[in-house]
Amino acid sequence: MTAIDKAIDKYDNINNLFNAKLRKKRGLIKGKIEMSHVFFDKKNDFILNILSLYKYNIIYRILFWESDSKMKDLLEKYSVGDSYVIYKSYNKKKRPGVLFIKGSCHSLDYELAKSILINHFNYELAKKPSLNMRVQIYLDCVNGEILLDIYDDRGLDLYFW
């Protein structure tokens, strides 16, 4: 049973999994990927290509500074059904809202992933459509685990263990 399978019904555990992996120091390969001088489409293509390389379980953790209804509107376009949960709502304070989306094993919902990235990157560029959010993607792969922390339009941190 994978880490995702053990935690999927317990969103506190999933949130703790993300936090623990982001703090982990030992046995970790970490890289910073600089994308500030790359055109928007190349940023999306690069991340989507990483996601499409593996057969995996996937969990998105999206930190957001928007209303719950805006986040739900984005997801309803892609028929995610009950595979997402708004774990914490954004209440106009310093702490963001937290949204989890569980992807199906062995397939990437390309249009959903692309839409999330477009909304994320467009926010920094003041383009539409956009949502104020930080995207973190956890992949439980056959040969290890990967976490992508896409902090803004300048780049991302990649963790592998």
C-alpha atoms as a PDB file:
ATOM      1  CA  MET A   1       0.000   0.000   0.000  1.00  0.00           C
ATOM      2  CA  THR A   2       1.426   3.387  -1.012  1.00  0.00           C
ATOM      3  CA  ALA A   3       1.638   6.515   1.124  1.00  0.00           C
ATOM      4  CA  ILE A   4      -1.243   8.002  -0.867  1.00  0.00           C
ATOM      5  CA  ASP A   5      -3.451   4.940  -0.361  1.00  0.00           C
ATOM      6  CA  LYS A   6      -2.844   5.043   3.387  1.00  0.00           C
ATOM      7  CA  ALA A   7      -3.664   8.730   3.646  1.00  0.00           C
ATOM      8  CA  ILE A   8      -6.233   9.486   0.955  1.00  0.00           C
ATOM      9  CA  ASP A   9      -9.284   9.386   3.204  1.00  0.00           C
ATOM     10  CA  LYS A  10      -7.571  11.395   5.922  1.00  0.00           C
ATOM     11  CA  TYR A  11      -6.855  14.869   4.550  1.00  0.00           C
ATOM     12  CA  ASP A  12      -5.003  15.842   7.717  1.00  0.00           C
ATOM     13  CA  ASN A  13      -2.588  13.038   6.870  1.00  0.00           C
ATOM     14  CA  ILE A  14      -2.279  14.211   3.269  1.00  0.00           C
ATOM     15  CA  ASN A  15      -1.571  17.759   4.391  1.00  0.00           C
ATOM     16  CA  ASN A  16       1.023  16.412   6.844  1.00  0.00           C
ATOM     17  CA  LEU A  17       2.553  14.322   4.041  1.00  0.00           C
ATOM     18  CA  PHE A  18       3.120  17.447   1.930  1.00  0.00           C
ATOM     19  CA  ASN A  19       4.537  19.382   4.867  1.00  0.00           C
ATOM     20  CA  ALA A  20       6.856  16.540   5.878  1.00  0.00           C
ATOM     21  CA  LYS A  21       8.160  16.045   2.337  1.00  0.00           C
ATOM     22  CA  LEU A  22       8.849  19.769   1.965  1.00  0.00           C
ATOM     23  CA  ARG A  23      10.916  19.725   5.200  1.00  0.00           C
ATOM     24  CA  LYS A  24      12.700  16.421   4.551  1.00  0.00           C
ATOM     25  CA  LYS A  25      16.495  16.647   4.349  1.00  0.00           C
ATOM     26  CA  ARG A  26      17.901  13.085   4.278  1.00  0.00           C
ATOM     27  CA  GLY A  27      17.708  10.823   1.256  1.00  0.00           C
ATOM     28  CA  LEU A  28      16.319  13.629  -0.848  1.00  0.00           C
ATOM     29  CA  ILE A  29      17.301  14.905  -4.269  1.00  0.00           C
ATOM     30  CA  LYS A  30      16.295  18.550  -4.544  1.00  0.00           C
ATOM     31  CA  GLY A  31      16.506  20.883  -7.493  1.00  0.00           C
ATOM     32  CA  LYS A  32      15.446  24.419  -8.257  1.00  0.00           C
ATOM     33  CA  ILE A  33      14.210  24.971 -11.783  1.00  0.00           C
ATOM     34  CA  GLU A  34      14.460  28.563 -12.973  1.00  0.00           C
ATOM     35  CA  MET A  35      11.850  29.515 -15.575  1.00  0.00           C
ATOM     36  CA  SER A  36      11.691  33.305 -15.405  1.00  0.00           C
ATOM     37  CA  HIS A  37      13.178  33.784 -18.898  1.00  0.00           C
ATOM     38  CA  VAL A  38      10.986  31.198 -20.609  1.00  0.00           C
ATOM     39  CA  PHE A  39       7.772  31.940 -22.458  1.00  0.00           C
ATOM     40  CA  PHE A  40       4.506  30.964 -20.805  1.00  0.00           C
ATOM     41  CA  ASP A  41       3.736  28.021 -23.139  1.00  0.00           C
ATOM     42  CA  LYS A  42       7.159  26.456 -22.518  1.00  0.00           C
ATOM     43  CA  LYS A  43       6.601  26.581 -18.743  1.00  0.00           C
ATOM     44  CA  ASN A  44       3.320  24.696 -19.104  1.00  0.00           C
ATOM     45  CA  ASP A  45       4.779  22.215 -21.595  1.00  0.00           C
ATOM     46  CA  PHE A  46       7.767  21.491 -19.350  1.00  0.00           C
ATOM     47  CA  ILE A  47       5.640  20.694 -16.290  1.00  0.00           C
ATOM     48  CA  LEU A  48       3.073  18.689 -18.277  1.00  0.00           C
ATOM     49  CA  ASN A  49       5.906  16.659 -19.799  1.00  0.00           C
ATOM     50  CA  ILE A  50       7.254  15.832 -16.332  1.00  0.00           C
ATOM     51  CA  LEU A  51       3.789  14.677 -15.290  1.00  0.00           C
ATOM     52  CA  SER A  52       3.306  12.552 -18.401  1.00  0.00           C
ATOM     53  CA  LEU A  53       6.604  10.663 -17.994  1.00  0.00           C
ATOM     54  CA  TYR A  54       5.433   8.448 -15.148  1.00  0.00           C
ATOM     55  CA  LYS A  55       2.734   5.968 -14.262  1.00  0.00           C
ATOM     56  CA  TYR A  56       1.719   7.189 -10.845  1.00  0.00           C
ATOM     57  CA  ASN A  57      -0.811   8.265  -8.302  1.00  0.00           C
ATOM     58  CA  ILE A  58      -1.095  12.033  -8.137  1.00  0.00           C
ATOM     59  CA  ILE A  59      -2.313  14.496  -5.547  1.00  0.00           C
ATOM     60  CA  TYR A  60      -2.479  18.220  -6.171  1.00  0.00           C
ATOM     61  CA  ARG A  61      -2.309  20.472  -3.137  1.00  0.00           C
ATOM     62  CA  ILE A  62      -3.366  23.934  -4.163  1.00  0.00           C
ATOM     63  CA  LEU A  63      -2.859  26.804  -1.751  1.00  0.00           C
ATOM     64  CA  PHE A  64      -5.275  29.555  -2.768  1.00  0.00           C
ATOM     65  CA  TRP A  65      -6.170  33.147  -1.959  1.00  0.00           C
ATOM     66  CA  GLU A  66      -9.598  33.108  -3.637  1.00  0.00           C
ATOM     67  CA  SER A  67     -13.176  32.285  -2.700  1.00  0.00           C
ATOM     68  CA  ASP A  68     -14.176  28.630  -2.519  1.00  0.00           C
ATOM     69  CA  SER A  69     -16.702  29.235  -5.300  1.00  0.00           C
ATOM     70  CA  LYS A  70     -13.979  30.366  -7.736  1.00  0.00           C
ATOM     71  CA  MET A  71     -11.992  27.214  -7.029  1.00  0.00           C
ATOM     72  CA  LYS A  72     -15.091  25.025  -7.451  1.00  0.00           C
ATOM     73  CA  ASP A  73     -15.918  26.760 -10.755  1.00  0.00           C
ATOM     74  CA  LEU A  74     -12.487  25.796 -12.114  1.00  0.00           C
ATOM     75  CA  LEU A  75     -12.917  22.148 -11.111  1.00  0.00           C
ATOM     76  CA  GLU A  76     -16.491  21.754 -12.318  1.00  0.00           C
ATOM     77  CA  LYS A  77     -15.357  22.324 -15.889  1.00  0.00           C
ATOM     78  CA  TYR A  78     -13.308  19.103 -15.708  1.00  0.00           C
ATOM     79  CA  SER A  79     -15.738  16.718 -14.021  1.00  0.00           C
ATOM     80  CA  VAL A  80     -13.500  15.943 -11.066  1.00  0.00           C
ATOM     81  CA  GLY A  81     -16.555  14.818  -9.103  1.00  0.00           C
ATOM     82  CA  ASP A  82     -15.738  13.818  -5.549  1.00  0.00           C
ATOM     83  CA  SER A  83     -11.990  13.484  -6.159  1.00  0.00           C
ATOM     84  CA  TYR A  84     -11.350  16.889  -4.622  1.00  0.00           C
ATOM     85  CA  VAL A  85     -11.909  18.522  -1.275  1.00  0.00           C
ATOM     86  CA  ILE A  86     -11.549  22.067  -0.035  1.00  0.00           C
ATOM     87  CA  TYR A  87      -9.627  21.196   3.099  1.00  0.00           C
ATOM     88  CA  LYS A  88      -9.481  24.775   4.395  1.00  0.00           C
ATOM     89  CA  SER A  89     -11.282  27.819   3.052  1.00  0.00           C
ATOM     90  CA  TYR A  90      -9.470  31.092   2.488  1.00  0.00           C
ATOM     91  CA  ASN A  91     -10.832  33.622   4.966  1.00  0.00           C
ATOM     92  CA  LYS A  92      -9.095  36.795   3.760  1.00  0.00           C
ATOM     93  CA  LYS A  93      -6.288  36.457   6.289  1.00  0.00           C
ATOM     94  CA  LYS A  94      -2.632  35.567   5.836  1.00  0.00           C
ATOM     95  CA  ARG A  95      -3.160  31.815   5.634  1.00  0.00           C
ATOM     96  CA  PRO A  96      -4.288  30.484   2.252  1.00  0.00           C
ATOM     97  CA  GLY A  97      -7.100  28.082   1.602  1.00  0.00           C
ATOM     98  CA  VAL A  98      -6.062  24.500   0.848  1.00  0.00           C
ATOM     99  CA  LEU A  99      -7.566  22.317  -1.872  1.00  0.00           C
ATOM    100  CA  PHE A 100      -6.659  18.704  -2.646  1.00  0.00           C
ATOM    101  CA  ILE A 101      -7.333  16.896  -5.907  1.00  0.00           C
ATOM    102  CA  LYS A 102      -6.585  13.187  -6.243  1.00  0.00           C
ATOM    103  CA  GLY A 103      -5.770  12.036  -9.737  1.00  0.00           C
ATOM    104  CA  SER A 104      -6.479   8.579 -11.042  1.00  0.00           C
ATOM    105  CA  CYS A 105      -3.686   6.055 -11.173  1.00  0.00           C
ATOM    106  CA  HIS A 106      -1.879   5.575 -14.497  1.00  0.00           C
ATOM    107  CA  SER A 107      -3.444   8.507 -16.291  1.00  0.00           C
ATOM    108  CA  LEU A 108      -3.018  12.237 -16.381  1.00  0.00           C
ATOM    109  CA  ASP A 109      -6.042  14.437 -16.783  1.00  0.00           C
ATOM    110  CA  TYR A 110      -4.132  16.633 -19.204  1.00  0.00           C
ATOM    111  CA  GLU A 111      -6.810  19.319 -19.578  1.00  0.00           C
ATOM    112  CA  LEU A 112      -7.252  19.687 -15.816  1.00  0.00           C
ATOM    113  CA  ALA A 113      -3.492  19.916 -15.223  1.00  0.00           C
ATOM    114  CA  LYS A 114      -3.115  22.416 -18.059  1.00  0.00           C
ATOM    115  CA  SER A 115      -5.970  24.574 -16.767  1.00  0.00           C
ATOM    116  CA  ILE A 116      -4.541  24.642 -13.240  1.00  0.00           C
ATOM    117  CA  LEU A 117      -1.139  25.715 -14.579  1.00  0.00           C
ATOM    118  CA  ILE A 118      -2.627  28.350 -16.905  1.00  0.00           C
ATOM    119  CA  ASN A 119      -4.625  29.898 -14.063  1.00  0.00           C
ATOM    120  CA  HIS A 120      -1.565  29.815 -11.807  1.00  0.00           C
ATOM    121  CA  PHE A 121       0.875  31.380 -14.282  1.00  0.00           C
ATOM    122  CA  ASN A 122      -1.639  33.926 -15.607  1.00  0.00           C
ATOM    123  CA  TYR A 123      -2.117  35.391 -12.137  1.00  0.00           C
ATOM    124  CA  GLU A 124       1.480  36.627 -12.054  1.00  0.00           C
ATOM    125  CA  LEU A 125       1.125  37.999 -15.586  1.00  0.00           C
ATOM    126  CA  ALA A 126      -2.210  39.762 -14.873  1.00  0.00           C
ATOM    127  CA  LYS A 127      -3.897  37.783 -17.669  1.00  0.00           C
ATOM    128  CA  LYS A 128      -7.234  35.986 -17.799  1.00  0.00           C
ATOM    129  CA  PRO A 129      -8.127  33.328 -16.755  1.00  0.00           C
ATOM    130  CA  SER A 130      -6.223  33.505 -13.493  1.00  0.00           C
ATOM    131  CA  LEU A 131      -6.456  32.467  -9.873  1.00  0.00           C
ATOM    132  CA  ASN A 132      -4.178  33.441  -7.012  1.00  0.00           C
ATOM    133  CA  MET A 133      -2.772  30.061  -6.045  1.00  0.00           C
ATOM    134  CA  ARG A 134       0.378  28.054  -5.447  1.00  0.00           C
ATOM    135  CA  VAL A 135       0.429  24.594  -7.013  1.00  0.00           C
ATOM    136  CA  GLN A 136       2.111  21.600  -5.410  1.00  0.00           C
ATOM    137  CA  ILE A 137       1.967  18.221  -7.104  1.00  0.00           C
ATOM    138  CA  TYR A 138       2.846  14.917  -5.431  1.00  0.00           C
ATOM    139  CA  LEU A 139       3.580  11.890  -7.621  1.00  0.00           C
ATOM    140  CA  ASP A 140       3.861   8.428  -6.099  1.00  0.00           C
ATOM    141  CA  CYS A 141       5.873   6.668  -8.814  1.00  0.00           C
ATOM    142  CA  VAL A 142       7.081   3.103  -9.261  1.00  0.00           C
ATOM    143  CA  ASN A 143      10.698   4.030  -8.463  1.00  0.00           C
ATOM    144  CA  GLY A 144      10.232   6.793  -5.912  1.00  0.00           C
ATOM    145  CA  GLU A 145       8.234   9.852  -5.031  1.00  0.00           C
ATOM    146  CA  ILE A 146       8.331  13.296  -6.636  1.00  0.00           C
ATOM    147  CA  LEU A 147       7.024  16.600  -5.354  1.00  0.00           C
ATOM    148  CA  LEU A 148       6.794  19.674  -7.580  1.00  0.00           C
ATOM    149  CA  ASP A 149       6.363  22.961  -5.701  1.00  0.00           C
ATOM    150  CA  ILE A 150       5.442  25.543  -8.353  1.00  0.00           C
ATOM    151  CA  TYR A 151       5.777  28.719  -6.326  1.00  0.00           C
ATOM    152  CA  ASP A 152       5.145  31.351  -9.033  1.00  0.00           C
ATOM    153  CA  ASP A 153       5.903  32.139 -12.676  1.00  0.00           C
ATOM    154  CA  ARG A 154       9.655  32.237 -11.987  1.00  0.00           C
ATOM    155  CA  GLY A 155      10.101  28.563 -11.271  1.00  0.00           C
ATOM    156  CA  LEU A 156       9.609  25.502  -9.163  1.00  0.00           C
ATOM    157  CA  ASP A 157      11.354  23.310  -6.665  1.00  0.00           C
ATOM    158  CA  LEU A 158      11.549  19.601  -7.473  1.00  0.00           C
ATOM    159  CA  TYR A 159      12.015  16.970  -4.764  1.00  0.00           C
ATOM    160  CA  PHE A 160      12.707  13.278  -5.380  1.00  0.00           C
ATOM    161  CA  TRP A 161      13.174  10.531  -2.784  1.00  0.00           C
END
